[in-house]
Amino acid sequence: MKIMLRKSPEGAFSVYVPKKDLEEMVVTSEKVGLWGGTVTLSNGLVLALPEMPEEVRFPVTVEARKVGGSL
């Protein structure tokens, strides 16, 4: 599914799912650098993110895969 990742000035990440008009905060991430691992959203949804370079500019749209939780 296509998602948009945003980063707040404080450094917190949020995910927006356009088709569901859903925006949730990232509460945990498998990897410190976010990319190439899974993230858990505040609603319990778990997404696998693609490998990307660490210096990606936000906001960014990527193809993520749902691996847990309900949408």
PDB file of N, CA and C in Angstrom:
ATOM      1  N   MET A   1       0.831  -1.168   0.000  1.00  0.00           N
ATOM      2  CA  MET A   1       0.000   0.000   0.000  1.00  0.00           C
ATOM      3  C   MET A   1       0.881   1.238   0.000  1.00  0.00           C
ATOM      4  N   LYS A   2       0.411   2.263  -0.640  1.00  0.00           N
ATOM      5  CA  LYS A   2       1.155   3.524  -0.665  1.00  0.00           C
ATOM      6  C   LYS A   2       0.862   4.286   0.618  1.00  0.00           C
ATOM      7  N   ILE A   3       1.938   4.780   1.241  1.00  0.00           N
ATOM      8  CA  ILE A   3       1.810   5.587   2.444  1.00  0.00           C
ATOM      9  C   ILE A   3       2.698   6.819   2.319  1.00  0.00           C
ATOM     10  N   MET A   4       2.375   7.834   3.090  1.00  0.00           N
ATOM     11  CA  MET A   4       3.232   9.016   3.147  1.00  0.00           C
ATOM     12  C   MET A   4       3.800   9.091   4.565  1.00  0.00           C
ATOM     13  N   LEU A   5       5.112   9.175   4.648  1.00  0.00           N
ATOM     14  CA  LEU A   5       5.788   9.341   5.935  1.00  0.00           C
ATOM     15  C   LEU A   5       6.127  10.807   6.114  1.00  0.00           C
ATOM     16  N   ARG A   6       5.801  11.325   7.290  1.00  0.00           N
ATOM     17  CA  ARG A   6       6.116  12.718   7.620  1.00  0.00           C
ATOM     18  C   ARG A   6       6.953  12.739   8.888  1.00  0.00           C
ATOM     19  N   LYS A   7       7.774  13.769   9.026  1.00  0.00           N
ATOM     20  CA  LYS A   7       8.594  13.937  10.219  1.00  0.00           C
ATOM     21  C   LYS A   7       8.319  15.318  10.791  1.00  0.00           C
ATOM     22  N   SER A   8       7.965  15.363  12.078  1.00  0.00           N
ATOM     23  CA  SER A   8       7.686  16.649  12.724  1.00  0.00           C
ATOM     24  C   SER A   8       8.995  17.343  13.075  1.00  0.00           C
ATOM     25  N   PRO A   9       8.951  18.632  13.357  1.00  0.00           N
ATOM     26  CA  PRO A   9      10.171  19.342  13.768  1.00  0.00           C
ATOM     27  C   PRO A   9      10.804  18.749  15.029  1.00  0.00           C
ATOM     28  N   GLU A  10       9.999  18.093  15.870  1.00  0.00           N
ATOM     29  CA  GLU A  10      10.505  17.467  17.094  1.00  0.00           C
ATOM     30  C   GLU A  10      11.157  16.113  16.817  1.00  0.00           C
ATOM     31  N   GLY A  11      10.994  15.581  15.594  1.00  0.00           N
ATOM     32  CA  GLY A  11      11.606  14.312  15.224  1.00  0.00           C
ATOM     33  C   GLY A  11      10.669  13.121  15.243  1.00  0.00           C
ATOM     34  N   ALA A  12       9.396  13.319  15.583  1.00  0.00           N
ATOM     35  CA  ALA A  12       8.420  12.232  15.592  1.00  0.00           C
ATOM     36  C   ALA A  12       7.948  11.955  14.161  1.00  0.00           C
ATOM     37  N   PHE A  13       7.666  10.689  13.882  1.00  0.00           N
ATOM     38  CA  PHE A  13       7.204  10.296  12.553  1.00  0.00           C
ATOM     39  C   PHE A  13       5.713   9.995  12.582  1.00  0.00           C
ATOM     40  N   SER A  14       5.028  10.306  11.495  1.00  0.00           N
ATOM     41  CA  SER A  14       3.636   9.921  11.322  1.00  0.00           C
ATOM     42  C   SER A  14       3.469   9.314   9.944  1.00  0.00           C
ATOM     43  N   VAL A  15       2.455   8.471   9.818  1.00  0.00           N
ATOM     44  CA  VAL A  15       2.147   7.787   8.561  1.00  0.00           C
ATOM     45  C   VAL A  15       0.740   8.181   8.145  1.00  0.00           C
ATOM     46  N   TYR A  16       0.592   8.548   6.878  1.00  0.00           N
ATOM     47  CA  TYR A  16      -0.714   8.862   6.312  1.00  0.00           C
ATOM     48  C   TYR A  16      -1.010   7.847   5.216  1.00  0.00           C
ATOM     49  N   VAL A  17      -2.198   7.201   5.311  1.00  0.00           N
ATOM     50  CA  VAL A  17      -2.645   6.239   4.306  1.00  0.00           C
ATOM     51  C   VAL A  17      -3.772   6.906   3.520  1.00  0.00           C
ATOM     52  N   PRO A  18      -3.477   7.406   2.303  1.00  0.00           N
ATOM     53  CA  PRO A  18      -4.468   8.184   1.543  1.00  0.00           C
ATOM     54  C   PRO A  18      -5.770   7.440   1.249  1.00  0.00           C
ATOM     55  N   LYS A  19      -5.707   6.173   0.872  1.00  0.00           N
ATOM     56  CA  LYS A  19      -6.922   5.449   0.491  1.00  0.00           C
ATOM     57  C   LYS A  19      -7.877   5.255   1.665  1.00  0.00           C
ATOM     58  N   LYS A  20      -7.349   5.264   2.877  1.00  0.00           N
ATOM     59  CA  LYS A  20      -8.177   5.089   4.074  1.00  0.00           C
ATOM     60  C   LYS A  20      -8.383   6.395   4.830  1.00  0.00           C
ATOM     61  N   ASP A  21      -7.763   7.483   4.357  1.00  0.00           N
ATOM     62  CA  ASP A  21      -7.792   8.774   5.038  1.00  0.00           C
ATOM     63  C   ASP A  21      -7.461   8.597   6.521  1.00  0.00           C
ATOM     64  N   LEU A  22      -6.331   7.937   6.752  1.00  0.00           N
ATOM     65  CA  LEU A  22      -5.890   7.572   8.096  1.00  0.00           C
ATOM     66  C   LEU A  22      -4.513   8.157   8.361  1.00  0.00           C
ATOM     67  N   GLU A  23      -4.361   8.821   9.492  1.00  0.00           N
ATOM     68  CA  GLU A  23      -3.047   9.322   9.887  1.00  0.00           C
ATOM     69  C   GLU A  23      -2.781   8.874  11.315  1.00  0.00           C
ATOM     70  N   GLU A  24      -1.646   8.195  11.518  1.00  0.00           N
ATOM     71  CA  GLU A  24      -1.279   7.675  12.833  1.00  0.00           C
ATOM     72  C   GLU A  24       0.201   7.939  13.093  1.00  0.00           C
ATOM     73  N   MET A  25       0.543   8.047  14.358  1.00  0.00           N
ATOM     74  CA  MET A  25       1.931   8.250  14.772  1.00  0.00           C
ATOM     75  C   MET A  25       2.671   6.912  14.805  1.00  0.00           C
ATOM     76  N   VAL A  26       3.961   6.950  14.498  1.00  0.00           N
ATOM     77  CA  VAL A  26       4.825   5.779  14.634  1.00  0.00           C
ATOM     78  C   VAL A  26       5.213   5.696  16.113  1.00  0.00           C
ATOM     79  N   VAL A  27       4.894   4.552  16.761  1.00  0.00           N
ATOM     80  CA  VAL A  27       5.207   4.419  18.186  1.00  0.00           C
ATOM     81  C   VAL A  27       6.475   3.599  18.418  1.00  0.00           C
ATOM     82  N   THR A  28       6.763   2.635  17.545  1.00  0.00           N
ATOM     83  CA  THR A  28       8.011   1.869  17.639  1.00  0.00           C
ATOM     84  C   THR A  28       8.509   1.555  16.244  1.00  0.00           C
ATOM     85  N   SER A  29       9.821   1.393  16.129  1.00  0.00           N
ATOM     86  CA  SER A  29      10.407   0.973  14.853  1.00  0.00           C
ATOM     87  C   SER A  29      11.449  -0.093  15.134  1.00  0.00           C
ATOM     88  N   GLU A  30      11.503  -1.076  14.247  1.00  0.00           N
ATOM     89  CA  GLU A  30      12.429  -2.193  14.388  1.00  0.00           C
ATOM     90  C   GLU A  30      13.881  -1.730  14.291  1.00  0.00           C
ATOM     91  N   LYS A  31      14.137  -0.794  13.382  1.00  0.00           N
ATOM     92  CA  LYS A  31      15.494  -0.288  13.166  1.00  0.00           C
ATOM     93  C   LYS A  31      15.569   1.177  13.550  1.00  0.00           C
ATOM     94  N   VAL A  32      16.705   1.586  14.045  1.00  0.00           N
ATOM     95  CA  VAL A  32      16.901   2.990  14.450  1.00  0.00           C
ATOM     96  C   VAL A  32      16.714   3.916  13.263  1.00  0.00           C
ATOM     97  N   GLY A  33      17.204   3.528  12.096  1.00  0.00           N
ATOM     98  CA  GLY A  33      17.106   4.349  10.904  1.00  0.00           C
ATOM     99  C   GLY A  33      15.775   4.280  10.196  1.00  0.00           C
ATOM    100  N   LEU A  34      14.797   3.542  10.729  1.00  0.00           N
ATOM    101  CA  LEU A  34      13.436   3.440  10.185  1.00  0.00           C
ATOM    102  C   LEU A  34      13.333   2.584   8.930  1.00  0.00           C
ATOM    103  N   TRP A  35      14.247   2.728   7.993  1.00  0.00           N
ATOM    104  CA  TRP A  35      14.135   2.067   6.687  1.00  0.00           C
ATOM    105  C   TRP A  35      14.573   0.610   6.734  1.00  0.00           C
ATOM    106  N   GLY A  36      13.826  -0.235   5.993  1.00  0.00           N
ATOM    107  CA  GLY A  36      14.177  -1.641   5.861  1.00  0.00           C
ATOM    108  C   GLY A  36      13.688  -2.507   7.003  1.00  0.00           C
ATOM    109  N   GLY A  37      12.891  -1.959   7.885  1.00  0.00           N
ATOM    110  CA  GLY A  37      12.362  -2.710   9.021  1.00  0.00           C
ATOM    111  C   GLY A  37      10.870  -2.486   9.151  1.00  0.00           C
ATOM    112  N   THR A  38      10.326  -2.890  10.276  1.00  0.00           N
ATOM    113  CA  THR A  38       8.904  -2.687  10.525  1.00  0.00           C
ATOM    114  C   THR A  38       8.696  -1.523  11.477  1.00  0.00           C
ATOM    115  N   VAL A  39       7.534  -0.897  11.359  1.00  0.00           N
ATOM    116  CA  VAL A  39       7.113   0.154  12.273  1.00  0.00           C
ATOM    117  C   VAL A  39       5.726  -0.199  12.791  1.00  0.00           C
ATOM    118  N   THR A  40       5.474   0.143  14.046  1.00  0.00           N
ATOM    119  CA  THR A  40       4.159  -0.054  14.648  1.00  0.00           C
ATOM    120  C   THR A  40       3.531   1.317  14.835  1.00  0.00           C
ATOM    121  N   LEU A  41       2.288   1.442  14.377  1.00  0.00           N
ATOM    122  CA  LEU A  41       1.568   2.707  14.477  1.00  0.00           C
ATOM    123  C   LEU A  41       0.733   2.741  15.753  1.00  0.00           C
ATOM    124  N   SER A  42       0.269   3.909  16.113  1.00  0.00           N
ATOM    125  CA  SER A  42      -0.484   4.075  17.353  1.00  0.00           C
ATOM    126  C   SER A  42      -1.801   3.297  17.371  1.00  0.00           C
ATOM    127  N   ASN A  43      -2.321   2.910  16.223  1.00  0.00           N
ATOM    128  CA  ASN A  43      -3.546   2.107  16.171  1.00  0.00           C
ATOM    129  C   ASN A  43      -3.256   0.602  16.141  1.00  0.00           C
ATOM    130  N   GLY A  44      -1.986   0.192  16.251  1.00  0.00           N
ATOM    131  CA  GLY A  44      -1.624  -1.225  16.275  1.00  0.00           C
ATOM    132  C   GLY A  44      -1.211  -1.803  14.934  1.00  0.00           C
ATOM    133  N   LEU A  45      -1.375  -1.070  13.868  1.00  0.00           N
ATOM    134  CA  LEU A  45      -0.993  -1.532  12.537  1.00  0.00           C
ATOM    135  C   LEU A  45       0.527  -1.645  12.448  1.00  0.00           C
ATOM    136  N   VAL A  46       1.011  -2.742  11.868  1.00  0.00           N
ATOM    137  CA  VAL A  46       2.443  -2.956  11.693  1.00  0.00           C
ATOM    138  C   VAL A  46       2.742  -2.971  10.200  1.00  0.00           C
ATOM    139  N   LEU A  47       3.678  -2.116   9.772  1.00  0.00           N
ATOM    140  CA  LEU A  47       4.034  -1.988   8.361  1.00  0.00           C
ATOM    141  C   LEU A  47       5.511  -2.278   8.165  1.00  0.00           C
ATOM    142  N   ALA A  48       5.832  -2.963   7.067  1.00  0.00           N
ATOM    143  CA  ALA A  48       7.222  -3.181   6.670  1.00  0.00           C
ATOM    144  C   ALA A  48       7.579  -2.099   5.660  1.00  0.00           C
ATOM    145  N   LEU A  49       8.641  -1.370   5.959  1.00  0.00           N
ATOM    146  CA  LEU A  49       9.080  -0.282   5.083  1.00  0.00           C
ATOM    147  C   LEU A  49      10.212  -0.753   4.182  1.00  0.00           C
ATOM    148  N   PRO A  50      10.335  -0.164   2.991  1.00  0.00           N
ATOM    149  CA  PRO A  50      11.409  -0.554   2.070  1.00  0.00           C
ATOM    150  C   PRO A  50      12.765  -0.008   2.522  1.00  0.00           C
ATOM    151  N   GLU A  51      13.823  -0.563   1.963  1.00  0.00           N
ATOM    152  CA  GLU A  51      15.175  -0.029   2.186  1.00  0.00           C
ATOM    153  C   GLU A  51      15.275   1.304   1.459  1.00  0.00           C
ATOM    154  N   MET A  52      15.768   2.300   2.168  1.00  0.00           N
ATOM    155  CA  MET A  52      15.948   3.629   1.586  1.00  0.00           C
ATOM    156  C   MET A  52      17.207   4.224   2.194  1.00  0.00           C
ATOM    157  N   PRO A  53      17.833   5.185   1.531  1.00  0.00           N
ATOM    158  CA  PRO A  53      18.986   5.863   2.129  1.00  0.00           C
ATOM    159  C   PRO A  53      18.557   6.667   3.349  1.00  0.00           C
ATOM    160  N   GLU A  54      19.432   6.792   4.323  1.00  0.00           N
ATOM    161  CA  GLU A  54      19.129   7.509   5.565  1.00  0.00           C
ATOM    162  C   GLU A  54      18.834   8.990   5.346  1.00  0.00           C
ATOM    163  N   GLU A  55      19.397   9.593   4.304  1.00  0.00           N
ATOM    164  CA  GLU A  55      19.237  11.029   4.089  1.00  0.00           C
ATOM    165  C   GLU A  55      18.013  11.405   3.256  1.00  0.00           C
ATOM    166  N   VAL A  56      16.971  10.586   3.271  1.00  0.00           N
ATOM    167  CA  VAL A  56      15.737  10.870   2.539  1.00  0.00           C
ATOM    168  C   VAL A  56      15.082  12.123   3.115  1.00  0.00           C
ATOM    169  N   ARG A  57      14.572  12.965   2.237  1.00  0.00           N
ATOM    170  CA  ARG A  57      13.875  14.186   2.660  1.00  0.00           C
ATOM    171  C   ARG A  57      12.400  13.860   2.877  1.00  0.00           C
ATOM    172  N   PHE A  58      11.840  14.404   3.941  1.00  0.00           N
ATOM    173  CA  PHE A  58      10.440  14.172   4.287  1.00  0.00           C
ATOM    174  C   PHE A  58       9.609  15.397   3.929  1.00  0.00           C
ATOM    175  N   PRO A  59       8.340  15.225   3.587  1.00  0.00           N
ATOM    176  CA  PRO A  59       7.577  13.988   3.520  1.00  0.00           C
ATOM    177  C   PRO A  59       7.946  13.167   2.291  1.00  0.00           C
ATOM    178  N   VAL A  60       7.742  11.850   2.392  1.00  0.00           N
ATOM    179  CA  VAL A  60       8.073  10.956   1.298  1.00  0.00           C
ATOM    180  C   VAL A  60       6.971   9.903   1.168  1.00  0.00           C
ATOM    181  N   THR A  61       6.634   9.559  -0.071  1.00  0.00           N
ATOM    182  CA  THR A  61       5.651   8.508  -0.344  1.00  0.00           C
ATOM    183  C   THR A  61       6.398   7.237  -0.722  1.00  0.00           C
ATOM    184  N   VAL A  62       6.031   6.131  -0.054  1.00  0.00           N
ATOM    185  CA  VAL A  62       6.681   4.844  -0.306  1.00  0.00           C
ATOM    186  C   VAL A  62       5.627   3.749  -0.378  1.00  0.00           C
ATOM    187  N   GLU A  63       6.052   2.605  -0.876  1.00  0.00           N
ATOM    188  CA  GLU A  63       5.214   1.411  -0.915  1.00  0.00           C
ATOM    189  C   GLU A  63       5.552   0.570   0.315  1.00  0.00           C
ATOM    190  N   ALA A  64       4.596   0.445   1.234  1.00  0.00           N
ATOM    191  CA  ALA A  64       4.798  -0.342   2.462  1.00  0.00           C
ATOM    192  C   ALA A  64       3.927  -1.599   2.376  1.00  0.00           C
ATOM    193  N   ARG A  65       4.285  -2.565   3.215  1.00  0.00           N
ATOM    194  CA  ARG A  65       3.539  -3.826   3.246  1.00  0.00           C
ATOM    195  C   ARG A  65       2.971  -4.029   4.656  1.00  0.00           C
ATOM    196  N   LYS A  66       1.693  -4.340   4.740  1.00  0.00           N
ATOM    197  CA  LYS A  66       1.058  -4.589   6.030  1.00  0.00           C
ATOM    198  C   LYS A  66       1.476  -5.970   6.517  1.00  0.00           C
ATOM    199  N   VAL A  67       2.010  -6.064   7.737  1.00  0.00           N
ATOM    200  CA  VAL A  67       2.440  -7.357   8.280  1.00  0.00           C
ATOM    201  C   VAL A  67       1.729  -7.702   9.581  1.00  0.00           C
ATOM    202  N   GLY A  68       0.908  -6.803  10.091  1.00  0.00           N
ATOM    203  CA  GLY A  68       0.165  -7.085  11.317  1.00  0.00           C
ATOM    204  C   GLY A  68      -0.827  -5.999  11.628  1.00  0.00           C
ATOM    205  N   GLY A  69      -1.746  -6.302  12.545  1.00  0.00           N
ATOM    206  CA  GLY A  69      -2.758  -5.330  12.917  1.00  0.00           C
ATOM    207  C   GLY A  69      -3.865  -5.277  11.898  1.00  0.00           C
ATOM    208  N   SER A  70      -4.829  -4.416  12.134  1.00  0.00           N
ATOM    209  CA  SER A  70      -5.957  -4.303  11.192  1.00  0.00           C
ATOM    210  C   SER A  70      -6.075  -2.879  10.676  1.00  0.00           C
ATOM    211  N   LEU A  71      -6.526  -2.779   9.463  1.00  0.00           N
ATOM    212  CA  LEU A  71      -6.658  -1.473   8.817  1.00  0.00           C
ATOM    213  C   LEU A  71      -8.104  -1.236   8.455  1.00  0.00           C
TER     214      LEU A  71
END
